[in-house]
Amino acid sequence: MNSVVWAQTIPAELLGSCTMANSQGFLPPFTPDGGSALIPEMPWHYSGTLMTVEYRTDPANVRAILPPDLDLAPEDPGAVAFIWADWQSCSTGGAELLDPSRAQYLEAFVVVRCSYQGVTYSRCVLIWVTTDFAIGRGWFQGYPKKLGSVFVTRPYNRGKAAPRIAEGGTFGASLAAYDHRLASAKVTLREPAPSNGFVNGHKMLHHRVMPSMVPGAGLSLNQLATMGGVDLDLGQPWIGDAELTLHDSPWDQPASLLPIDEIIAGYYCEVGTTFHGGTLLADNSAAI
């Protein structure tokens, strides 16, 4: 397994005689051979499906969820995409594919668009996933991932228990967290589309943050980074009619944060991509 050496990330004067100095892993836990790390080293490969419902909210709601260093997108600033993804993923060599519990997961996430220094980006502002390794990768990338219960109808080309990715194919999806239903959706496909929507169609722009251990010392990690997939393998997108219902709970607020004013459309698409790092745009990390 490829891995980074933990000692390389810690100043030598802080290591002393630490017995962990030669331990390895991309993210903790660090062990002598790195085999217990939550996630392996990049690149990470993804194959899956995306069911998307795009809608509009008041642009003031998008402005309120963006940090002050970002601006609204200049066109259609209130556009939102609520996306359900059914993923199978692996690192180099594909070992996870033979242990599917380490490869398969689902997620539901909310994307808006924003502008930074005159460039329009996509930004994930809410996201729920079903596995811990997906959370680890997401926090590393700046995705605000939380655990959730996520389901989406799967297409198959045989039998009567699955829709087809074709005219009339109907897909449902749900999201819950902490035993509270947060979202339900339905998409009925109508025709092939030139794209899989427009809200999630740019490079992602995320803040990678971690509070300092010292109270009041700010953020030890505070970076603005952009990233996108490589080796994109996009199937034929389909567009159709969509329904979306949002709910709040004591612990999550999708309905209040980004309420629905108007449904734009629903989409369904098969997709493959690889993540192999991003580009740092700004670093305001505290010294402590």
Protein backbone atom coordinates (compact mmCIF):
# COMPACT_ATOMS: atom_id res chain seq x y z
CA MET A 1 0.00 0.00 0.00
CA ASN A 2 1.27 3.40 -0.91
CA SER A 3 1.32 5.74 2.07
CA VAL A 4 2.90 8.87 3.40
CA VAL A 5 5.22 8.87 6.38
CA TRP A 6 3.62 10.52 9.40
CA ALA A 7 6.96 11.80 10.62
CA GLN A 8 7.21 13.98 7.53
CA THR A 9 4.21 16.03 8.68
CA ILE A 10 5.52 16.78 12.21
CA PRO A 11 8.44 19.09 13.02
CA ALA A 12 11.46 17.07 14.11
CA GLU A 13 11.75 18.96 17.40
CA LEU A 14 8.29 17.73 18.40
CA LEU A 15 8.98 14.09 17.69
CA GLY A 16 11.75 13.38 20.20
CA SER A 17 11.82 9.68 20.92
CA CYS A 18 8.20 9.18 19.88
CA THR A 19 7.69 5.54 19.02
CA MET A 20 5.23 6.59 16.28
CA ALA A 21 7.90 8.46 14.31
CA ASN A 22 8.11 5.80 11.62
CA SER A 23 4.42 5.02 11.43
CA GLN A 24 2.58 5.46 8.18
CA GLY A 25 -0.85 6.25 6.77
CA PHE A 26 -2.64 8.91 4.75
CA LEU A 27 -5.04 9.66 7.62
CA PRO A 28 -5.08 8.18 11.14
CA PRO A 29 -4.80 5.67 12.62
CA PHE A 30 -1.05 5.56 11.85
CA THR A 31 0.62 2.15 12.12
CA PRO A 32 4.00 0.67 11.13
CA ASP A 33 2.78 -0.47 7.71
CA GLY A 34 -0.10 2.02 7.24
CA GLY A 35 -2.59 -0.79 6.77
CA SER A 36 -5.08 0.56 9.35
CA ALA A 37 -5.33 4.07 7.88
CA LEU A 38 -8.90 5.31 7.44
CA ILE A 39 -8.20 5.99 3.77
CA PRO A 40 -5.33 5.13 1.43
CA GLU A 41 -3.24 7.63 -0.48
CA MET A 42 -4.59 9.33 -3.61
CA PRO A 43 -5.62 8.83 -6.38
CA TRP A 44 -9.15 7.70 -5.60
CA HIS A 45 -11.28 6.29 -8.42
CA TYR A 46 -15.09 6.48 -8.53
CA SER A 47 -17.78 4.76 -10.60
CA GLY A 48 -21.43 5.36 -9.95
CA THR A 49 -24.68 7.13 -10.71
CA LEU A 50 -26.00 10.62 -9.97
CA MET A 51 -29.65 11.52 -9.53
CA THR A 52 -29.97 15.30 -9.44
CA VAL A 53 -32.80 17.72 -8.75
CA GLU A 54 -32.03 21.34 -9.57
CA TYR A 55 -34.15 24.11 -8.11
CA ARG A 56 -34.09 27.79 -7.26
CA THR A 57 -34.12 29.48 -3.91
CA ASP A 58 -33.85 33.14 -2.97
CA PRO A 59 -30.24 34.19 -3.75
CA ALA A 60 -30.13 35.67 -0.23
CA ASN A 61 -30.24 32.10 1.11
CA VAL A 62 -27.20 31.14 -0.95
CA ARG A 63 -25.41 34.32 0.14
CA ALA A 64 -26.08 33.46 3.78
CA ILE A 65 -24.47 30.01 3.52
CA LEU A 66 -21.35 31.27 1.70
CA PRO A 67 -18.34 32.57 3.67
CA PRO A 68 -17.56 36.28 3.26
CA ASP A 69 -14.58 35.74 0.93
CA LEU A 70 -16.87 34.28 -1.75
CA ASP A 71 -19.44 36.06 -3.92
CA LEU A 72 -22.67 34.88 -5.51
CA ALA A 73 -22.46 33.46 -9.02
CA PRO A 74 -23.18 36.24 -11.53
CA GLU A 75 -25.84 34.21 -13.37
CA ASP A 76 -28.79 32.45 -11.71
CA PRO A 77 -27.29 32.94 -8.23
CA GLY A 78 -30.15 31.17 -6.45
CA ALA A 79 -29.74 27.87 -8.31
CA VAL A 80 -29.22 24.77 -6.14
CA ALA A 81 -28.60 21.09 -6.94
CA PHE A 82 -29.67 18.33 -4.55
CA ILE A 83 -27.82 15.20 -5.65
CA TRP A 84 -27.99 11.53 -4.69
CA ALA A 85 -24.90 9.49 -5.60
CA ASP A 86 -24.46 5.72 -5.51
CA TRP A 87 -20.71 5.11 -5.57
CA GLN A 88 -18.20 2.30 -5.87
CA SER A 89 -14.68 3.59 -5.25
CA CYS A 90 -11.14 2.34 -4.85
CA SER A 91 -7.52 3.38 -4.67
CA THR A 92 -4.69 2.32 -7.00
CA GLY A 93 -4.76 -1.43 -7.50
CA GLY A 94 -8.46 -1.73 -6.69
CA ALA A 95 -8.10 -3.89 -3.57
CA GLU A 96 -11.28 -2.39 -2.11
CA LEU A 97 -13.35 -3.82 -4.96
CA LEU A 98 -12.81 -7.35 -3.63
CA ASP A 99 -13.97 -6.23 -0.16
CA PRO A 100 -17.08 -4.29 -1.21
CA SER A 101 -17.83 -2.87 2.25
CA ARG A 102 -14.70 -0.76 1.72
CA ALA A 103 -15.76 0.30 -1.77
CA GLN A 104 -19.50 0.97 -1.81
CA TYR A 105 -21.37 3.88 -0.26
CA LEU A 106 -24.10 6.40 -0.94
CA GLU A 107 -24.27 10.11 -0.38
CA ALA A 108 -26.75 12.96 -0.70
CA PHE A 109 -25.33 16.43 -1.12
CA VAL A 110 -26.33 19.99 -1.84
CA VAL A 111 -24.38 22.13 -4.30
CA VAL A 112 -24.59 25.85 -5.03
CA ARG A 113 -22.49 28.05 -7.27
CA CYS A 114 -20.25 30.89 -6.16
CA SER A 115 -17.65 33.29 -7.51
CA TYR A 116 -14.08 33.87 -6.36
CA GLN A 117 -11.88 36.49 -8.02
CA GLY A 118 -14.17 36.56 -11.04
CA VAL A 119 -14.30 32.78 -11.59
CA THR A 120 -17.49 30.75 -11.08
CA TYR A 121 -17.20 27.54 -9.05
CA SER A 122 -19.47 24.85 -7.66
CA ARG A 123 -19.47 24.40 -3.87
CA CYS A 124 -20.87 21.62 -1.71
CA VAL A 125 -22.54 23.22 1.31
CA LEU A 126 -24.34 20.22 2.86
CA ILE A 127 -23.61 16.50 2.51
CA TRP A 128 -24.48 13.20 4.19
CA VAL A 129 -22.71 9.88 3.52
CA THR A 130 -23.05 6.30 4.70
CA THR A 131 -19.45 5.30 5.59
CA ASP A 132 -16.57 6.56 7.69
CA PHE A 133 -13.98 6.38 4.90
CA ALA A 134 -16.14 8.67 2.78
CA ILE A 135 -16.23 11.15 5.66
CA GLY A 136 -12.42 11.00 5.94
CA ARG A 137 -11.92 11.71 2.26
CA GLY A 138 -14.51 14.47 2.37
CA TRP A 139 -13.02 16.35 5.32
CA PHE A 140 -9.64 16.17 3.62
CA GLN A 141 -11.20 17.75 0.50
CA GLY A 142 -13.28 20.33 2.38
CA TYR A 143 -16.65 18.61 1.98
CA PRO A 144 -18.75 19.10 5.18
CA LYS A 145 -19.64 15.41 5.38
CA LYS A 146 -21.87 13.91 8.07
CA LEU A 147 -23.27 10.41 8.52
CA GLY A 148 -26.72 9.80 7.11
CA SER A 149 -29.12 7.16 5.83
CA VAL A 150 -29.24 7.46 2.04
CA PHE A 151 -31.24 5.46 -0.52
CA VAL A 152 -31.78 5.86 -4.26
CA THR A 153 -33.47 3.63 -6.84
CA ARG A 154 -30.97 1.61 -8.86
CA PRO A 155 -31.39 0.90 -12.58
CA TYR A 156 -30.91 -2.59 -13.98
CA ASN A 157 -31.37 -3.90 -17.49
CA ARG A 158 -33.21 -7.08 -16.51
CA GLY A 159 -36.48 -7.83 -14.78
CA LYS A 160 -39.40 -5.79 -13.52
CA ALA A 161 -37.89 -4.59 -10.24
CA ALA A 162 -35.83 -1.73 -11.68
CA PRO A 163 -36.30 1.26 -13.96
CA ARG A 164 -34.26 1.72 -17.11
CA ILE A 165 -32.21 4.80 -17.95
CA ALA A 166 -34.65 5.62 -20.71
CA GLU A 167 -37.84 7.56 -21.37
CA GLY A 168 -40.30 6.95 -18.55
CA GLY A 169 -37.71 5.60 -16.12
CA THR A 170 -38.71 6.76 -12.64
CA PHE A 171 -36.28 7.01 -9.73
CA GLY A 172 -36.87 7.81 -6.08
CA ALA A 173 -34.48 8.85 -3.34
CA SER A 174 -34.49 9.60 0.36
CA LEU A 175 -32.21 11.07 3.00
CA ALA A 176 -32.40 10.82 6.77
CA ALA A 177 -30.01 11.56 9.62
CA TYR A 178 -30.32 10.83 13.34
CA ASP A 179 -33.63 9.08 12.53
CA HIS A 180 -35.13 12.25 11.01
CA ARG A 181 -36.22 12.40 7.35
CA LEU A 182 -34.50 15.35 5.64
CA ALA A 183 -35.29 14.96 1.93
CA SER A 184 -37.32 12.93 -0.56
CA ALA A 185 -37.13 13.14 -4.34
CA LYS A 186 -38.58 11.65 -7.51
CA VAL A 187 -37.25 11.99 -11.06
CA THR A 188 -39.04 10.70 -14.18
CA LEU A 189 -36.82 10.68 -17.25
CA ARG A 190 -38.06 12.30 -20.43
CA GLU A 191 -35.21 12.55 -22.94
CA PRO A 192 -31.42 12.63 -23.34
CA ALA A 193 -29.82 15.92 -22.28
CA PRO A 194 -26.63 17.72 -23.33
CA SER A 195 -25.42 17.91 -19.71
CA ASN A 196 -26.16 16.65 -16.23
CA GLY A 197 -27.41 20.08 -15.14
CA PHE A 198 -25.47 23.30 -14.64
CA VAL A 199 -25.14 23.88 -10.89
CA ASN A 200 -22.62 21.08 -10.31
CA GLY A 201 -20.84 21.74 -13.59
CA HIS A 202 -17.76 23.67 -12.41
CA LYS A 203 -14.65 22.90 -10.40
CA MET A 204 -15.38 22.65 -6.69
CA LEU A 205 -14.28 25.46 -4.35
CA HIS A 206 -13.97 24.44 -0.70
CA HIS A 207 -12.52 25.68 2.57
CA ARG A 208 -10.39 23.12 4.40
CA VAL A 209 -10.65 24.03 8.09
CA MET A 210 -9.70 22.71 11.52
CA PRO A 211 -9.97 24.70 14.77
CA SER A 212 -6.83 25.16 16.84
CA MET A 213 -6.43 23.01 19.93
CA VAL A 214 -5.71 26.27 21.79
CA PRO A 215 -8.98 28.01 22.76
CA GLY A 216 -9.41 31.31 20.95
CA ALA A 217 -6.43 30.73 18.64
CA GLY A 218 -8.50 30.58 15.46
CA LEU A 219 -8.16 27.93 12.79
CA SER A 220 -5.01 25.82 12.64
CA LEU A 221 -6.06 24.86 9.12
CA ASN A 222 -7.84 27.47 7.00
CA GLN A 223 -7.24 26.95 3.31
CA LEU A 224 -9.24 27.78 0.21
CA ALA A 225 -8.74 25.14 -2.48
CA THR A 226 -10.21 24.23 -5.83
CA MET A 227 -10.43 20.72 -7.16
CA GLY A 228 -12.03 18.60 -9.83
CA GLY A 229 -11.99 15.11 -11.21
CA VAL A 230 -9.70 13.81 -13.92
CA ASP A 231 -10.31 11.06 -16.48
CA LEU A 232 -14.00 11.97 -16.50
CA ASP A 233 -16.13 9.20 -18.03
CA LEU A 234 -19.65 10.59 -18.31
CA GLY A 235 -22.55 8.51 -19.56
CA GLN A 236 -25.43 9.94 -21.51
CA PRO A 237 -27.28 12.34 -19.17
CA TRP A 238 -31.07 12.24 -19.10
CA ILE A 239 -33.40 15.07 -18.12
CA GLY A 240 -36.89 14.78 -16.76
CA ASP A 241 -39.56 15.99 -14.38
CA ALA A 242 -38.67 16.20 -10.71
CA GLU A 243 -40.21 16.45 -7.27
CA LEU A 244 -38.27 17.38 -4.13
CA THR A 245 -39.38 17.79 -0.52
CA LEU A 246 -37.09 19.07 2.23
CA HIS A 247 -37.40 18.87 6.01
CA ASP A 248 -35.52 20.19 9.02
CA SER A 249 -34.59 18.31 12.17
CA PRO A 250 -33.05 19.46 15.45
CA TRP A 251 -29.64 18.68 13.94
CA ASP A 252 -29.94 19.51 10.22
CA GLN A 253 -31.63 22.38 8.37
CA PRO A 254 -31.81 21.86 4.59
CA ALA A 255 -35.40 23.15 4.40
CA SER A 256 -34.65 26.37 6.29
CA LEU A 257 -31.22 27.03 4.80
CA LEU A 258 -32.11 26.54 1.13
CA PRO A 259 -35.93 26.37 0.76
CA ILE A 260 -37.42 25.51 -2.62
CA ASP A 261 -38.97 28.32 -4.64
CA GLU A 262 -39.06 26.61 -8.05
CA ILE A 263 -38.06 23.20 -9.42
CA ILE A 264 -35.88 23.49 -12.53
CA ALA A 265 -35.47 19.86 -13.66
CA GLY A 266 -34.33 16.39 -12.70
CA TYR A 267 -31.37 14.50 -14.15
CA TYR A 268 -29.89 11.01 -14.08
CA CYS A 269 -26.45 10.01 -15.28
CA GLU A 270 -23.79 7.32 -14.96
CA VAL A 271 -20.35 8.73 -14.19
CA GLY A 272 -16.75 7.72 -13.59
CA THR A 273 -13.98 10.00 -12.35
CA THR A 274 -10.69 10.11 -10.43
CA PHE A 275 -9.62 12.50 -7.68
CA HIS A 276 -5.89 13.20 -7.53
CA GLY A 277 -5.52 16.43 -5.57
CA GLY A 278 -6.41 20.07 -5.91
CA THR A 279 -4.97 23.58 -6.14
CA LEU A 280 -4.42 25.85 -3.14
CA LEU A 281 -5.80 29.37 -3.74
CA ALA A 282 -5.33 30.92 -0.28
CA ASP A 283 -3.92 29.87 3.08
CA ASN A 284 -4.96 31.77 6.21
CA SER A 285 -4.04 29.07 8.71
CA ALA A 286 -3.09 30.26 12.18
CA ALA A 287 0.48 29.75 13.39
CA ILE A 288 -0.72 27.92 16.52
